[in-house]
Amino acid sequence: MDINWIGIGAATVSAFVLGGIWYGPLFGKKWQALVGLSDDQVKNANMAKIFGGAFVLTFIAAFVFAMFLGPDITIGQGTAYGASAGLCWVAASFGINYLFAQKPFALWLIDGGYATGMFTLFGLLLGAL
């Protein structure tokens, strides 16, 4: 199996950059309110556990998506497949769970939007590298 380690590494890092912007200045306070986290809870969270776990899970997602795409993917194909996977698999799955959990639609837009952006970046970078 031909594994694009550079693409997987870049995809993993890109998700953290996007997440820092998405859940920071763009939608951070709105997301925090929608999930019911106080400023103290955020401040006192075990950030090593959260970021370490998120890094491992993001790496796994990028690795398996690279395996799914295969080694001969173009930038256009990767971007389209990534957007489709993010929106139609991940965000749709979130939507099902959020409906049953009676979570706000705005929370689905934030989390589903991030998942769509993340997988779009995965595909773009895996296709480019």
Protein backbone atom coordinates (compact mmCIF):
# COMPACT_ATOMS: atom_id res chain seq x y z
CA MET A 1 0.00 0.00 0.00
CA ASP A 2 1.31 3.42 -0.99
CA ILE A 3 0.85 5.80 1.96
CA ASN A 4 1.20 9.56 1.51
CA TRP A 5 2.75 10.35 4.91
CA ILE A 6 3.48 13.97 4.01
CA GLY A 7 -0.12 14.50 2.92
CA ILE A 8 -1.44 12.81 6.05
CA GLY A 9 0.79 14.96 8.26
CA ALA A 10 -0.23 18.13 6.44
CA ALA A 11 -3.90 17.14 6.64
CA THR A 12 -3.62 16.53 10.39
CA VAL A 13 -1.95 19.90 11.00
CA SER A 14 -4.47 21.66 8.72
CA ALA A 15 -7.34 20.38 10.86
CA PHE A 16 -5.74 21.94 13.94
CA VAL A 17 -5.24 25.27 12.19
CA LEU A 18 -8.83 25.24 10.92
CA GLY A 19 -10.11 24.18 14.35
CA GLY A 20 -8.19 26.98 16.07
CA ILE A 21 -9.83 29.53 13.82
CA TRP A 22 -13.27 27.85 13.66
CA TYR A 23 -13.67 27.18 17.37
CA GLY A 24 -11.71 30.30 18.32
CA PRO A 25 -12.51 33.71 16.85
CA LEU A 26 -15.17 32.56 14.35
CA PHE A 27 -17.58 30.47 16.44
CA GLY A 28 -15.86 29.78 19.77
CA LYS A 29 -18.14 31.70 22.11
CA LYS A 30 -21.31 30.61 20.28
CA TRP A 31 -20.20 26.96 20.33
CA GLN A 32 -19.26 27.19 24.01
CA ALA A 33 -22.71 28.57 24.86
CA LEU A 34 -24.50 25.95 22.75
CA VAL A 35 -22.71 23.05 24.43
CA GLY A 36 -23.14 24.63 27.88
CA LEU A 37 -19.50 25.09 28.88
CA SER A 38 -18.67 27.91 31.26
CA ASP A 39 -15.50 29.97 30.96
CA ASP A 40 -14.22 28.25 34.12
CA GLN A 41 -14.81 24.79 32.66
CA VAL A 42 -12.88 25.74 29.53
CA LYS A 43 -10.11 27.36 31.55
CA ASN A 44 -9.73 24.35 33.88
CA ALA A 45 -9.96 21.63 31.23
CA ASN A 46 -7.15 19.11 30.78
CA MET A 47 -5.83 20.61 27.56
CA ALA A 48 -3.07 18.01 27.14
CA LYS A 49 -5.70 15.25 27.16
CA ILE A 50 -8.05 17.17 24.86
CA PHE A 51 -5.46 18.26 22.30
CA GLY A 52 -3.49 15.01 22.49
CA GLY A 53 -6.63 12.93 21.97
CA ALA A 54 -7.84 15.23 19.20
CA PHE A 55 -4.47 14.98 17.45
CA VAL A 56 -4.50 11.17 17.52
CA LEU A 57 -8.10 10.98 16.30
CA THR A 58 -7.45 13.55 13.56
CA PHE A 59 -4.39 11.61 12.43
CA ILE A 60 -6.44 8.40 12.29
CA ALA A 61 -9.14 10.15 10.25
CA ALA A 62 -6.58 11.59 7.81
CA PHE A 63 -4.78 8.24 7.52
CA VAL A 64 -7.94 6.25 6.78
CA PHE A 65 -9.21 8.92 4.38
CA ALA A 66 -5.88 8.73 2.52
CA MET A 67 -6.30 4.95 2.30
CA PHE A 68 -9.86 5.46 1.03
CA LEU A 69 -8.75 7.94 -1.65
CA GLY A 70 -5.78 5.90 -2.81
CA PRO A 71 -2.45 7.16 -4.16
CA ASP A 72 -3.61 8.46 -7.57
CA ILE A 73 -6.00 11.21 -6.51
CA THR A 74 -6.01 14.66 -8.11
CA ILE A 75 -6.48 17.92 -6.24
CA GLY A 76 -9.95 18.36 -7.72
CA GLN A 77 -11.04 14.83 -6.95
CA GLY A 78 -9.61 14.96 -3.44
CA THR A 79 -11.29 18.27 -2.69
CA ALA A 80 -14.66 17.08 -4.03
CA TYR A 81 -14.44 13.74 -2.23
CA GLY A 82 -13.38 15.46 0.98
CA ALA A 83 -16.25 17.93 0.85
CA SER A 84 -18.68 15.10 0.12
CA ALA A 85 -17.35 12.95 2.96
CA GLY A 86 -17.41 15.85 5.42
CA LEU A 87 -20.90 17.00 4.53
CA CYS A 88 -22.68 13.79 3.58
CA TRP A 89 -21.05 11.30 5.97
CA VAL A 90 -19.73 13.17 8.98
CA ALA A 91 -22.04 16.19 9.19
CA ALA A 92 -25.07 14.08 8.26
CA SER A 93 -24.16 11.62 11.04
CA PHE A 94 -23.84 14.50 13.48
CA GLY A 95 -27.24 15.73 12.29
CA ILE A 96 -28.90 12.40 13.05
CA ASN A 97 -27.41 12.34 16.54
CA TYR A 98 -28.23 16.00 17.17
CA LEU A 99 -31.86 15.47 16.14
CA PHE A 100 -32.33 12.65 18.64
CA ALA A 101 -30.38 14.52 21.33
CA GLN A 102 -32.48 17.62 20.57
CA LYS A 103 -29.36 19.76 20.10
CA PRO A 104 -29.72 23.19 18.49
CA PHE A 105 -29.50 23.50 14.71
CA ALA A 106 -26.84 26.18 15.18
CA LEU A 107 -24.60 23.63 16.92
CA TRP A 108 -24.98 21.28 13.95
CA LEU A 109 -24.05 24.11 11.58
CA ILE A 110 -20.88 24.84 13.57
CA ASP A 111 -19.75 21.23 14.08
CA GLY A 112 -20.92 20.01 10.67
CA GLY A 113 -19.30 23.00 9.01
CA TYR A 114 -16.00 22.22 10.70
CA ALA A 115 -16.17 18.54 9.69
CA THR A 116 -16.92 19.53 6.10
CA GLY A 117 -14.04 22.01 6.05
CA MET A 118 -11.69 19.52 7.68
CA PHE A 119 -12.36 16.73 5.18
CA THR A 120 -12.26 19.19 2.29
CA LEU A 121 -8.78 20.22 3.42
CA PHE A 122 -7.82 16.56 3.84
CA GLY A 123 -8.79 15.81 0.26
CA LEU A 124 -7.18 18.93 -1.14
CA LEU A 125 -3.88 18.28 0.62
CA LEU A 126 -3.83 14.58 -0.12
CA GLY A 127 -4.48 15.36 -3.78
CA ALA A 128 -1.86 18.10 -3.89
CA LEU A 129 0.89 16.21 -2.08
